[in-house]
Protein backbone atom coordinates (compact mmCIF):
# COMPACT_ATOMS: atom_id res chain seq x y z
CA MET A 1 151.68 94.72 187.24
CA ILE A 2 151.25 91.75 189.63
CA ASN A 3 154.18 89.82 191.16
CA PHE A 4 153.83 86.15 190.75
CA THR A 5 155.89 83.52 192.36
CA THR A 6 157.95 80.98 190.27
CA LYS A 7 155.63 78.25 191.41
CA GLN A 8 152.51 80.33 190.35
CA ILE A 9 154.00 81.11 186.88
CA ALA A 10 154.74 77.29 186.24
CA ARG A 11 151.09 76.53 187.43
CA ILE A 12 149.71 79.09 185.13
CA ASP A 13 151.80 78.01 182.21
CA GLY A 14 150.79 74.44 182.66
CA LEU A 15 147.12 75.44 182.83
CA ILE A 16 147.42 77.45 179.55
CA ALA A 17 149.15 74.52 177.76
CA ARG A 18 146.32 72.35 178.78
CA LEU A 19 143.78 75.01 177.63
CA ASN A 20 145.42 75.00 174.22
CA VAL A 21 144.82 71.31 173.78
CA PHE A 22 141.41 70.87 175.19
CA ALA A 23 138.39 73.20 174.76
CA MET A 24 137.15 74.10 178.27
CA ASP A 25 134.38 76.16 179.82
CA ASP A 26 135.10 79.40 181.67
CA LYS A 27 136.75 78.63 184.97
CA TRP A 28 137.60 80.42 188.22
CA ILE A 29 141.14 80.09 189.47
CA THR A 30 143.01 81.59 192.39
CA VAL A 31 146.26 83.58 192.05
CA LYS A 32 148.53 84.81 194.86
CA PRO A 33 150.35 87.87 193.73
CA ASN A 34 151.87 88.39 197.19
CA GLY A 35 153.45 84.95 197.54
CA GLU A 36 152.22 81.59 198.85
CA GLU A 37 151.67 83.00 202.31
CA GLY A 38 149.75 86.07 201.02
CA LYS A 39 146.17 86.52 200.29
CA GLY A 40 144.99 85.03 197.06
CA ALA A 41 142.80 86.70 194.35
CA HIS A 42 140.06 84.92 192.43
CA VAL A 43 140.17 85.27 188.56
CA LYS A 44 137.72 83.92 186.00
CA ILE A 45 139.43 82.89 182.66
CA ASP A 46 137.93 81.54 179.35
CA ASP A 47 139.07 78.70 177.20
CA GLU A 48 141.83 80.92 175.63
CA GLY A 49 143.29 81.91 178.96
CA ARG A 50 141.97 85.41 178.93
CA VAL A 51 140.78 87.20 182.10
CA ILE A 52 136.98 87.55 182.02
CA ALA A 53 136.25 88.70 185.63
CA GLY A 54 137.93 89.31 188.83
CA MET A 55 140.93 91.36 189.99
CA GLY A 56 138.94 94.55 189.89
CA GLY A 57 138.60 94.39 186.05
CA LYS A 58 142.00 95.86 185.57
CA PHE A 59 143.31 93.08 183.46
CA LYS A 60 140.13 92.11 181.65
CA GLY A 61 140.71 90.69 178.12
CA GLU A 62 144.39 90.12 178.71
CA LYS A 63 145.89 86.56 178.99
CA ILE A 64 146.66 85.43 182.47
CA ASN A 65 150.27 84.53 181.68
CA GLU A 66 150.98 87.91 180.14
CA VAL A 67 150.04 90.12 183.14
CA ARG A 68 153.01 89.38 185.39
CA LYS A 69 155.80 91.92 185.64
CA ASP A 70 158.60 89.80 184.28
CA PHE A 71 156.67 88.93 180.97
CA LYS A 72 158.69 90.03 177.86
CA GLY A 73 157.60 90.26 174.13
CA PRO A 74 154.44 91.34 172.18
CA LYS A 75 151.21 90.70 173.91
CA THR A 76 148.30 88.94 172.24
CA PRO A 77 145.79 91.36 170.72
CA SER A 78 142.72 91.88 172.66
CA ARG A 79 139.36 90.11 171.81
CA GLU A 80 137.88 93.45 170.65
CA THR A 81 140.76 94.23 168.21
CA LEU A 82 140.50 90.60 166.77
CA ASP A 83 136.61 90.91 166.32
CA LYS A 84 137.00 94.34 164.56
CA SER A 85 139.64 92.86 162.10
CA ARG A 86 137.43 89.86 161.44
CA VAL A 87 134.30 91.93 160.65
CA LYS A 88 136.45 94.15 158.41
CA GLN A 89 137.63 91.13 156.46
CA GLU A 90 134.14 89.79 156.10
CA GLN A 91 133.01 93.08 154.63
CA GLY A 92 135.60 92.79 152.01
CA ASP A 93 137.61 95.85 153.00
CA ILE A 94 140.91 94.13 152.31
CA THR A 95 143.96 96.17 151.33
CA LYS A 96 146.08 95.32 148.28
CA SER A 97 148.80 93.85 150.56
CA THR A 98 146.44 91.01 151.52
CA VAL A 99 145.79 89.97 147.83
CA ASP A 100 147.92 86.86 146.72
CA LYS A 101 150.42 87.96 144.15
CA PRO A 102 151.39 85.46 141.39
CA THR A 103 154.40 83.46 142.43
CA SER A 104 157.28 82.78 140.15
CA LYS A 105 157.98 79.55 138.32
CA ALA A 106 160.65 78.65 140.83
CA SER A 107 158.23 79.15 143.79
CA PHE A 108 155.70 77.03 142.01
CA GLU A 109 158.28 74.25 141.48
CA LYS A 110 159.36 74.50 145.15
CA GLU A 111 155.71 74.03 146.35
CA ILE A 112 155.38 71.00 144.02
CA LYS A 113 158.71 69.39 145.37
CA LYS A 114 157.38 69.97 148.95
CA ILE A 115 154.06 68.17 148.07
CA ILE A 116 155.87 65.19 146.46
CA ASN A 117 158.27 64.80 149.43
CA HIS A 118 155.50 65.01 151.89
CA GLN A 119 153.46 62.23 150.13
CA ARG A 120 156.50 60.03 149.73
CA ASN A 121 157.82 60.37 153.35
CA THR A 122 154.61 60.42 155.28
CA GLU A 123 152.93 57.27 156.34
CA GLY A 124 149.28 56.71 155.30
CA THR A 125 149.47 59.02 152.34
CA ARG A 126 149.30 58.31 148.52
CA ASP A 127 151.75 55.88 146.85
CA PHE A 128 154.44 57.94 145.21
CA SER A 129 157.10 55.13 145.30
CA LYS A 130 156.98 54.64 141.57
CA VAL A 131 156.78 58.36 140.63
CA ASP A 132 159.60 60.12 138.75
CA ASP A 133 160.16 63.41 140.64
CA GLU A 134 161.44 65.28 137.59
CA LYS A 135 158.41 64.07 135.37
CA ALA A 136 156.06 64.97 137.94
CA ILE A 137 157.27 68.50 138.28
CA GLY A 138 157.26 68.87 134.58
CA PHE A 139 153.67 67.55 134.46
CA ALA A 140 152.56 70.15 137.00
CA HIS A 141 154.20 72.94 134.99
CA SER A 142 152.27 71.71 132.04
CA ILE A 143 149.03 71.88 133.88
CA ARG A 144 149.86 75.34 135.16
CA ARG A 145 150.69 76.50 131.59
CA MET A 146 147.45 74.94 130.16
CA ASN A 147 145.28 76.73 132.90
CA ASN A 148 146.38 80.04 131.60
CA ILE A 149 145.78 79.32 127.90
CA LYS A 150 142.23 79.55 126.61
CA ARG A 151 142.36 76.94 123.91
CA PHE A 152 143.07 74.32 126.57
CA SER A 153 140.10 75.33 128.70
CA SER A 154 138.08 72.25 127.81
CA THR A 155 140.94 69.95 128.77
CA ILE A 156 141.32 71.66 132.13
CA GLU A 157 137.65 71.60 132.78
CA ASN A 158 137.68 67.83 132.13
CA LEU A 159 140.55 67.36 134.52
CA ARG A 160 138.86 69.40 137.25
CA LYS A 161 135.77 67.13 136.99
CA ILE A 162 137.88 64.00 137.11
CA VAL A 163 139.86 64.97 140.26
CA GLU A 164 136.82 66.58 142.00
CA ASN A 165 134.74 63.43 141.59
CA SER A 166 137.62 61.09 142.22
CA ALA A 167 137.04 59.53 138.77
CA TRP A 168 140.71 59.20 137.75
CA ASN A 169 140.51 55.43 137.57
CA ARG A 170 137.22 55.43 135.46
CA VAL A 171 137.36 58.42 133.14
CA GLY A 172 140.15 58.96 130.53
CA VAL A 173 141.54 62.05 128.94
CA TYR A 174 141.93 62.39 125.13
CA THR A 175 145.54 63.50 124.83
CA ARG A 176 145.83 64.44 121.12
CA GLY A 177 145.76 68.18 120.90
CA SER A 178 144.93 68.48 124.57
CA GLY A 179 148.21 70.12 125.70
CA ILE A 180 149.42 67.14 127.58
CA GLU A 181 152.84 66.45 126.10
CA ASP A 182 154.43 62.95 125.73
CA PRO A 183 151.82 60.85 127.54
CA GLU A 184 153.99 57.71 127.03
CA SER A 185 156.70 59.15 129.25
CA LEU A 186 154.09 60.15 131.88
CA GLU A 187 152.93 56.60 131.90
CA LYS A 188 156.53 55.26 132.56
CA ALA A 189 156.80 57.98 135.27
CA GLY A 190 153.80 56.56 137.16
CA LEU A 191 151.48 59.41 136.47
CA MET A 192 149.09 58.04 133.67
CA ILE A 193 147.92 54.73 132.32
CA GLU A 194 146.88 54.07 128.72
CA ASP A 195 143.24 53.25 128.20
CA ARG A 196 143.52 50.55 125.54
CA SER A 197 139.78 50.56 124.63
CA LYS A 198 140.20 54.01 123.05
CA ASN A 199 142.79 55.55 120.85
CA ASP A 200 145.10 58.36 122.32
CA THR A 201 143.27 58.14 125.67
CA TYR A 202 144.98 57.94 128.97
CA LYS A 203 143.71 57.67 132.72
CA LEU A 204 145.37 59.33 135.55
CA THR A 205 146.95 57.31 138.40
CA GLU A 206 146.28 58.16 141.95
CA ALA A 207 149.58 60.11 142.16
CA GLY A 208 148.88 61.76 138.77
CA ALA A 209 145.40 62.95 139.93
CA TYR A 210 146.85 64.41 143.11
CA ILE A 211 149.66 66.27 141.14
CA VAL A 212 146.85 67.66 138.83
CA SER A 213 144.71 68.74 141.79
CA GLU A 214 147.55 70.52 143.50
CA ALA A 215 148.89 72.23 140.30
CA LEU A 216 145.36 73.46 139.57
CA ARG A 217 145.00 74.70 143.12
CA LEU A 218 148.28 76.59 143.04
CA SER A 219 147.75 77.95 139.49
CA ASP A 220 144.18 79.20 140.35
CA LYS A 221 145.59 80.92 143.39
CA ASN A 222 148.41 82.59 141.46
CA SER A 223 146.00 83.60 138.55
CA GLU A 224 143.59 85.59 140.81
CA ILE A 225 143.33 89.24 139.97
CA PRO A 226 142.49 91.89 142.65
CA THR A 227 138.75 92.54 142.47
CA ASN A 228 139.33 96.39 142.63
CA LYS A 229 141.50 96.13 139.48
CA LEU A 230 138.75 94.13 137.68
CA ASN A 231 136.12 96.75 138.76
CA THR A 232 138.30 99.54 137.49
CA GLU A 233 138.76 97.87 134.06
CA LEU A 234 135.15 97.19 133.81
CA SER A 235 134.28 100.76 134.57
CA LYS A 236 136.63 101.91 131.88
CA VAL A 237 135.28 99.42 129.25
CA SER A 238 131.61 100.34 130.12
CA SER A 239 132.33 104.13 129.66
CA GLU A 240 134.16 103.40 126.27
CA ILE A 241 131.20 101.33 125.12
CA GLU A 242 128.68 104.09 126.00
CA SER A 243 130.47 106.49 123.76
CA SER A 244 131.15 104.06 120.95
CA ILE A 245 127.69 102.49 120.89
CA LYS A 246 126.34 105.87 119.60
CA GLY A 247 128.52 105.67 116.47
CA ASP A 248 127.61 103.85 113.23
CA SER A 249 130.59 101.69 112.51
CA ILE A 250 129.28 98.07 112.40
CA ASP A 251 132.92 96.65 112.00
CA ARG A 252 134.14 98.51 115.10
CA LEU A 253 131.11 97.29 117.10
CA ASN A 254 131.63 93.79 115.94
CA LYS A 255 135.26 93.88 117.27
CA THR A 256 133.89 95.35 120.63
CA ALA A 257 131.35 92.46 120.88
CA THR A 258 134.14 89.88 120.27
CA MET A 259 136.23 91.46 122.94
CA LEU A 260 133.36 91.40 125.47
CA PHE A 261 132.52 87.73 124.63
CA ASN A 262 136.18 86.86 125.36
CA LYS A 263 135.83 88.51 128.77
CA TYR A 264 132.53 86.90 129.47
CA ILE A 265 133.90 83.30 128.92
CA ASP A 266 137.14 84.03 130.89
CA LYS A 267 136.94 81.71 133.97
CA SER A 268 139.58 83.71 135.88
CA ILE A 269 137.19 86.64 136.18
CA PRO A 270 134.47 86.52 139.01
CA GLU A 271 131.09 85.45 137.84
CA ASN A 272 129.43 88.82 138.75
CA ILE A 273 131.81 90.81 136.61
CA ARG A 274 131.55 88.30 133.76
CA LYS A 275 127.75 88.76 133.85
CA GLU A 276 128.31 92.47 133.54
CA TYR A 277 130.47 91.93 130.45
CA GLY A 278 127.66 89.73 129.02
CA ARG A 279 125.13 92.52 129.52
CA LEU A 280 127.37 94.98 127.80
CA ARG A 281 127.84 92.56 124.93
CA ASN A 282 124.03 92.32 124.46
CA GLN A 283 123.80 96.20 124.32
CA VAL A 284 126.37 96.21 121.49
CA LEU A 285 124.65 93.42 119.58
CA GLU A 286 121.36 95.29 119.88
CA ARG A 287 123.04 98.40 118.42
CA ILE A 288 124.45 96.33 115.56
CA TYR A 289 120.95 94.91 114.92
CA GLU A 290 119.51 98.50 114.67
CA LEU A 291 122.30 99.65 112.37
CA LYS A 292 121.50 96.83 110.05
CA GLY A 293 117.89 97.82 109.82
CA GLY A 294 116.44 95.84 112.65
CA PHE A 295 113.86 93.10 112.13
CA VAL A 296 112.68 94.47 108.81
CA SER A 297 116.10 93.74 107.20
CA SER A 298 115.55 90.00 107.93
CA VAL A 299 112.16 89.98 105.96
CA GLU A 300 112.94 88.18 102.68
CA GLY A 301 110.80 87.31 99.58
CA ARG A 302 111.26 85.18 96.51
CA SER A 303 112.11 88.32 94.41
CA GLN A 304 113.46 91.74 95.21
CA ILE A 305 110.11 93.37 94.36
CA GLU A 306 108.31 91.08 96.73
CA THR A 307 110.92 91.71 99.51
CA GLU A 308 110.69 95.60 99.09
CA LYS A 309 106.79 95.36 99.09
CA ALA A 310 106.74 93.32 102.28
CA ARG A 311 109.11 95.69 104.12
CA GLU A 312 106.93 98.71 103.18
CA ILE A 313 103.92 96.90 104.62
CA TYR A 314 105.89 96.07 107.75
CA LYS A 315 106.94 99.71 108.21
CA LYS A 316 103.30 100.99 107.64
CA LEU A 317 101.74 98.60 110.07
CA THR A 318 104.32 98.87 112.91
CA SER A 319 104.40 102.65 112.70
CA GLN A 320 100.98 102.65 114.36
CA MET A 321 101.57 99.84 116.85
CA THR A 322 102.84 99.69 120.44
CA LYS A 323 106.24 97.96 121.00
CA GLU A 324 104.38 95.06 122.65
CA ASP A 325 102.30 94.49 119.56
CA ILE A 326 105.29 94.82 117.33
CA ASP A 327 107.15 92.14 119.35
CA TYR A 328 104.12 89.83 119.14
CA LEU A 329 104.01 90.03 115.38
CA GLU A 330 107.74 89.65 115.00
CA SER A 331 107.65 86.46 117.12
CA GLN A 332 105.27 84.73 114.76
CA LYS A 333 106.73 81.60 113.11
CA ASN A 334 106.47 82.95 109.53
CA ALA A 335 107.23 86.65 110.31
CA LYS A 336 110.54 86.61 108.38
CA GLN A 337 108.80 85.57 105.14
CA ALA A 338 107.49 88.30 102.91
CA GLY A 339 104.19 86.49 102.20
CA PHE A 340 103.24 86.92 105.89
CA TRP A 341 103.27 90.70 105.57
CA ILE A 342 101.73 90.83 102.12
CA GLY A 343 98.83 88.90 103.46
CA LEU A 344 98.14 91.64 105.84
CA GLN A 345 98.48 94.58 103.35
CA ASP A 346 94.61 95.14 103.19
CA TYR A 347 94.13 95.33 107.01
CA THR A 348 94.54 98.01 109.53
CA PRO A 349 96.95 97.44 112.46
CA SER A 350 94.15 96.37 114.95
CA GLN A 351 92.60 94.04 112.27
CA ALA A 352 95.98 92.52 111.52
CA LEU A 353 96.58 91.74 115.20
CA SER A 354 93.11 90.36 115.53
CA ILE A 355 93.58 88.07 112.53
CA ILE A 356 96.96 86.77 113.90
CA LYS A 357 95.68 86.17 117.34
CA SER A 358 92.49 84.39 116.10
CA ASN A 359 94.67 82.17 113.82
CA GLU A 360 96.91 81.32 116.68
CA GLU A 361 93.96 80.43 118.91
CA ALA A 362 92.51 78.23 116.16
CA ARG A 363 95.91 76.48 115.71
CA LYS A 364 96.15 75.84 119.47
CA HIS A 365 92.64 74.55 119.52
CA THR A 366 93.43 72.23 116.71
CA GLU A 367 96.56 70.91 118.42
CA ASN A 368 94.57 70.36 121.58
CA LEU A 369 91.98 68.41 119.71
CA LEU A 370 94.75 66.33 118.02
CA ALA A 371 96.39 65.77 121.50
CA GLU A 372 93.11 64.71 122.98
CA GLU A 373 92.40 62.34 120.09
CA ASP A 374 95.88 60.82 120.60
CA ARG A 375 95.25 60.47 124.26
CA LEU A 376 91.94 58.69 123.79
CA LYS A 377 93.51 56.45 121.22
CA GLN A 378 96.38 55.42 123.57
CA GLU A 379 93.96 54.91 126.40
CA TYR A 380 91.86 52.66 124.12
CA LEU A 381 94.95 50.57 123.02
CA SER A 382 96.15 50.24 126.60
CA SER A 383 92.73 48.94 127.70
CA LEU A 384 92.29 46.65 124.58
CA PRO A 385 93.64 43.47 126.13
CA ASP A 386 91.17 43.72 128.96
CA LYS A 387 88.23 44.55 126.51
CA ILE A 388 89.15 41.55 124.37
CA GLU A 389 89.21 39.19 127.50
CA ARG A 390 85.76 40.57 128.54
CA GLY A 391 84.39 40.34 125.10
CA LYS A 392 85.16 36.70 124.65
CA GLN A 393 82.49 35.74 127.14
CA PHE A 394 79.77 36.73 124.65
CA LYS A 395 78.92 34.06 122.18
CA GLU A 396 76.94 36.48 120.06
CA GLU A 397 76.32 40.17 119.84
CA PRO A 398 74.79 41.51 123.08
CA PRO A 399 71.11 42.35 122.52
CA LEU A 400 69.76 45.89 122.76
CA PRO A 401 67.67 46.73 125.78
CA LYS A 402 63.99 46.21 124.69
CA TRP A 403 62.73 49.76 125.29
CA TYR A 404 65.71 51.04 123.23
CA ALA A 405 65.12 48.53 120.47
CA ASP A 406 61.50 49.78 120.38
CA ILE A 407 62.67 53.41 119.88
CA ARG A 408 65.06 52.40 117.06
CA SER A 409 62.27 50.47 115.27
CA THR A 410 60.26 53.72 114.85
CA HIS A 411 62.98 55.04 112.54
CA ASN A 412 64.08 53.95 109.10
CA ASN A 413 67.76 54.66 109.68
CA PRO A 414 68.22 55.26 113.42
CA TYR A 415 71.23 57.16 114.57
CA TRP A 416 72.26 58.04 118.15
CA ASN A 417 75.45 59.95 118.98
CA GLY A 418 76.00 58.01 122.23
CA LYS A 419 75.57 61.08 124.50
CA PHE A 420 73.31 61.62 127.43
CA TYR A 421 71.88 65.05 128.40
CA ASP A 422 70.30 66.08 131.69
CA GLY A 423 66.61 66.44 132.01
CA LYS A 424 64.53 69.05 133.72
CA LYS A 425 63.76 66.85 136.74
CA LYS A 426 66.05 65.01 139.01
CA GLY A 427 66.89 61.46 137.89
CA GLU A 428 65.67 62.28 134.28
CA HIS A 429 67.96 62.17 131.23
CA ARG A 430 67.45 62.89 127.50
CA ILE A 431 68.85 61.13 124.36
CA TYR A 432 68.36 62.04 120.75
CA VAL A 433 67.76 59.29 118.19
CA SER A 434 67.66 60.60 114.51
CA ASN A 435 67.16 64.15 116.00
CA LYS A 436 64.23 63.12 118.03
CA GLU A 437 64.30 63.70 121.78
CA TYR A 438 63.44 60.73 124.25
CA LYS A 439 63.39 60.99 128.04
CA ILE A 440 64.88 58.24 130.06
CA SER A 441 65.35 57.36 133.79
CA ASP A 442 68.59 56.63 135.74
CA GLU A 443 67.94 52.91 135.46
CA GLN A 444 67.53 53.06 131.67
CA LYS A 445 70.63 55.14 131.39
CA ALA A 446 72.68 52.63 133.43
CA GLU A 447 71.25 49.83 131.34
CA LEU A 448 72.18 51.64 128.04
CA GLU A 449 75.77 52.31 129.33
CA LYS A 450 76.23 48.60 130.22
CA HIS A 451 75.04 47.61 126.80
CA MET A 452 77.47 50.14 125.16
CA LYS A 453 80.31 48.71 127.23
CA ASP A 454 79.38 45.03 126.47
CA TYR A 455 78.99 45.82 122.78
CA SER A 456 82.56 47.60 122.73
CA ASP A 457 84.08 44.62 124.42
CA PHE A 458 82.32 42.14 122.02
CA LYS A 459 83.48 44.08 119.03
CA ALA A 460 87.11 44.23 120.42
CA ALA A 461 87.16 40.45 120.84
CA GLU A 462 85.60 39.95 117.39
CA ARG A 463 88.29 42.25 115.77
CA SER A 464 91.16 40.49 117.57
CA GLU A 465 90.42 37.25 115.69
CA ALA A 466 89.27 38.98 112.44
CA THR A 467 90.94 39.08 109.09
CA TYR A 468 91.61 42.64 108.00
CA LEU A 469 91.17 43.42 104.30
CA ASN A 470 92.78 45.99 101.96
CA VAL A 471 89.64 47.30 100.27
CA PRO A 472 89.85 50.32 98.04
CA TYR A 473 87.29 53.00 98.76
CA GLU A 474 85.56 52.38 95.24
CA GLN A 475 84.92 48.73 96.23
CA ARG A 476 83.59 49.24 99.76
CA GLU A 477 80.16 48.07 98.81
CA THR A 478 81.44 44.84 97.56
CA ALA A 479 83.17 44.11 100.82
CA LYS A 480 80.09 45.15 102.78
CA LYS A 481 77.85 42.91 100.59
CA HIS A 482 79.85 39.80 101.52
CA GLY A 483 79.84 40.36 105.35
CA ALA A 484 82.87 42.59 105.84
CA LYS A 485 82.60 45.17 108.60
CA TRP A 486 84.15 48.56 109.24
CA ASP A 487 86.61 49.15 112.04
CA PRO A 488 86.61 52.93 112.91
CA ASN A 489 89.74 52.71 115.11
CA LYS A 490 91.98 51.16 112.45
CA LYS A 491 89.87 52.66 109.56
CA LYS A 492 89.84 49.33 107.70
CA TRP A 493 87.35 46.70 106.76
CA TYR A 494 87.60 43.26 108.33
CA LEU A 495 86.05 39.87 108.05
CA PRO A 496 84.67 38.60 111.32
CA SER A 497 85.93 35.18 112.65
CA GLY A 498 83.80 32.28 111.30
CA VAL A 499 82.47 34.19 108.17
CA GLU A 500 83.62 32.34 104.94
CA ALA A 501 85.44 34.61 102.60
CA HIS A 502 83.61 35.05 99.29
CA SER A 503 85.76 34.61 96.06
CA GLU A 504 85.20 38.34 95.27
CA LEU A 505 87.02 39.13 98.58
CA ASN A 506 90.10 37.11 97.70
CA GLN A 507 91.59 40.14 95.92
CA PHE A 508 91.44 42.07 99.21
CA MET A 509 93.14 39.55 101.47
CA PRO A 510 96.49 40.63 103.04
CA ASN A 511 98.40 37.85 101.48
CA TYR A 512 96.93 38.10 98.01
CA THR A 513 99.40 38.11 95.20
CA PRO A 514 97.92 39.30 91.78
CA PRO A 515 98.58 36.98 88.82
CA PRO A 516 101.18 38.15 86.37
CA VAL A 517 99.66 40.06 83.47
CA GLU A 518 100.96 39.20 80.03
CA LYS A 519 101.69 42.47 78.11
CA PRO A 520 100.05 42.44 74.61
CA LYS A 521 102.30 41.99 71.75
CA GLN A 522 102.94 45.21 70.06
CA GLU A 523 103.03 45.32 66.33
CA PHE A 524 104.89 48.09 64.61
CA TYR A 525 104.17 49.07 61.15
CA ALA A 526 107.08 50.61 59.23
CA ALA A 527 106.32 53.45 56.84
CA PRO A 528 106.53 52.26 53.22
CA ALA A 529 109.75 53.04 51.62
CA VAL A 530 109.49 56.10 49.43
CA LYS A 531 112.13 57.14 47.03
CA LYS A 532 113.35 60.55 48.08
CA ALA A 533 112.59 63.24 45.45
CA ASP A 534 114.50 66.47 44.80
CA ILE A 535 111.58 68.94 45.01
CA ASN A 536 113.84 71.91 44.62
CA SER A 537 114.71 70.82 41.13
CA MET A 538 111.16 70.06 39.96
CA SER A 539 109.12 72.15 37.63
CA GLU A 540 105.69 73.62 38.72
CA SER A 541 103.63 70.77 37.20
CA GLU A 542 106.02 68.07 38.42
CA LEU A 543 105.80 69.48 42.11
CA LYS A 544 101.93 69.59 41.84
CA ALA A 545 101.86 65.91 40.66
CA HIS A 546 104.20 64.95 43.39
CA ILE A 547 102.02 66.60 46.07
CA ASN A 548 98.94 64.81 44.70
CA ASN A 549 100.85 61.50 44.77
CA LEU A 550 101.71 62.07 48.47
CA GLU A 551 98.12 62.96 49.30
CA LYS A 552 96.93 59.52 47.79
CA ARG A 553 99.53 57.64 49.68
CA ARG A 554 98.63 59.41 52.90
CA GLN A 555 94.94 58.38 52.54
CA SER A 556 95.83 54.81 51.82
CA TYR A 557 98.14 54.64 54.94
CA GLN A 558 95.31 56.21 57.02
CA ASN A 559 92.78 53.63 55.91
CA VAL A 560 94.91 50.56 56.23
CA VAL A 561 97.26 51.21 59.14
CA ASN A 562 95.14 53.62 61.23
CA GLU A 563 91.91 51.79 60.34
CA GLY A 564 90.33 55.09 59.21
CA GLY A 565 90.89 56.88 62.49
CA GLU A 566 93.51 59.40 63.83
CA GLY A 567 97.11 58.45 64.29
CA TYR A 568 100.61 58.85 63.11
CA ASN A 569 101.07 59.26 59.47
CA PRO A 570 104.59 59.49 57.94
CA TYR A 571 103.25 61.43 54.82
CA ASP A 572 102.11 64.38 56.84
CA SER A 573 105.61 65.91 57.08
CA GLN A 574 106.51 65.19 53.51
CA ILE A 575 103.30 66.96 52.22
CA SER A 576 103.97 70.01 54.50
CA VAL A 577 107.46 70.42 53.21
CA ALA A 578 106.54 70.02 49.58
CA SER A 579 103.62 72.48 49.95
CA LYS A 580 105.76 75.18 51.56
CA THR A 581 108.35 74.71 48.87
CA TYR A 582 105.77 75.16 46.07
CA THR A 583 104.33 78.31 47.61
CA ARG A 584 107.87 79.78 48.04
CA ARG A 585 108.95 78.90 44.53
CA PHE A 586 105.77 79.47 42.41
CA ASP A 587 103.37 81.59 44.36
CA PRO A 588 105.34 84.66 45.68
CA GLU A 589 102.14 86.67 46.47
CA LYS A 590 100.81 84.03 48.92
CA GLN A 591 104.36 83.72 50.35
CA ALA A 592 104.41 87.48 50.93
CA LEU A 593 101.01 87.17 52.64
CA PHE A 594 102.23 84.43 54.89
CA ASP A 595 105.42 86.35 55.85
CA ARG A 596 103.22 89.41 56.83
CA ILE A 597 100.95 87.12 58.97
CA ASN A 598 103.92 85.54 60.66
CA LYS A 599 105.41 89.00 61.34
CA GLU A 600 102.15 90.20 62.88
CA ARG A 601 101.86 87.16 65.01
CA ARG A 602 105.43 87.65 66.39
CA ARG A 603 104.68 91.29 67.11
CA GLU A 604 101.45 90.41 69.12
CA ARG A 605 103.35 87.72 70.96
CA LEU A 606 106.03 90.25 72.08
CA GLN A 607 103.36 92.80 73.07
CA ARG A 608 101.62 90.24 75.27
CA MET A 609 104.90 89.28 76.96
CA LYS A 610 105.62 92.96 77.68
CA GLU A 611 102.11 93.60 79.13
CA LEU A 612 102.51 90.45 81.39
CA GLU A 613 105.90 91.66 82.71
CA GLU A 614 104.35 95.12 83.51
CA LYS A 615 101.54 93.37 85.47
CA LEU A 616 103.99 91.29 87.40
CA GLU A 617 105.92 94.34 88.33
CA ARG A 618 102.85 96.36 89.18
CA ASN A 619 101.60 93.45 91.61
CA GLY A 620 104.88 92.65 93.18
CA GLY A 621 105.65 89.56 91.18
CA TRP A 622 102.92 87.70 92.75
CA TYR A 623 99.23 88.50 92.00
CA PRO A 624 98.16 89.00 88.31
CA ASP A 625 95.34 91.45 87.63
């Protein structure tokens, strides 16, 4: 040890005190261990007062004020020791003694009291002058309790967002069923303010928001669980699931999946461990899915026969496919419908895949065409105002280029699709008019393109002032005859501006109201009153005469009322009843013949119904033979 004088010790202590206040660079100083008159030694110290160089390296790493002989007490750990401890902590090698243990209710209350007193008695802090200490402590206990109960997790999450974003004066809390008890008393205590624009909603005051923030901070710290304990529990659960997942009890696996889900949503567990619980839950759910029959169990039809047939086809096809192909088929939109699989019953697995893929490609191609059509339509509509403005400069329809008009004149009904094709030579193009090829130059192409644009603008301007008609398809020729023209974009006929509407077109006008139609007066002819006869008490001759009389009356009614044609006749039913009664009473042989015929008809009908049911069952209830 070195002997320092009292003056040197005071100087070193003063230097160390200044070093504790101001961050300084490394500095050389002179110490005189042999007194003021003795020879001095040069020492280099850092900003913490530790010896870096000098004095033969004997005291390197020690603080300059702790190397004297009369220094008493524990020395500051060396820099190497502190660095090792820091690295050890960063690597997570923390003993159980360093883990925060949950504090008691009394300790929590003590911390809250200390926070309130500091805010109230320190200048420049939050305004706690109107806060009731007892209510504030009770409010903090409520927040702590709610933070440990899962059914209040949504309320706690809402409170966290409010205090983290400093939104306590803008966002309210719906208090009914939230776990916050007696919000009216909290308002009197200066912790909350009622939001009168919404029922049962209160906003936090600045003091209330600070109490919530500190209560959550303390309760989160106290609710931490040592990581090593969580890892041990996770390993135990994982091993139990590996053994239980091999079983076949769906009820037990459902309970396991519920337990794992509760672990997965528990915010007090670190995220990496919660993800592992989620992965285990997915394994359990997959096992449940397998035990229930897998995908095939979800295939349903309109009848039990159809369902069973579709599932058999599924098993037959997938037994010869790779897992990738099976997943592709199962991912189809209608794969859970029995008709999807019944439609593939006549194909091999490779053919079935080819058909599904080609249908999907066709569907995508159709969707792309429809999307392109919509895009072009929107593009046309967006450019329509400019087209109309340009088209108004034309007083009449733009004339065709002379060379193109000559081409059209050689055809009876000329048609051009509006497309240009490259020619064999540079600067040469081809067009097809009524399927005949014509070669044109660059100048002619530019001239024709300009005409197409001018004609399109002229038509847009013409249609903007036109009157659109509601013309049925059957009467399109009538509209065309009187000057109406067809708009392919709106798919409607229109009458150009300046064309007088013919009287036959009035019925197609948008504001046309058809005249009221008078319904023809209906005349009803009542059947002539006929005195009801007791046909069961008549003799054979009387009943025959009665039937003949009814036949005459029927014919008379037919000639007068129905004008000799077909129609309702009230005597038909009377004649039928009387004839059946005559046969039953006076012609038993004919009656017996009728009975045998009726019996044979009923038997044939029942036989046909039975055969139809057998066909339906044989074809899965869907396709008849």
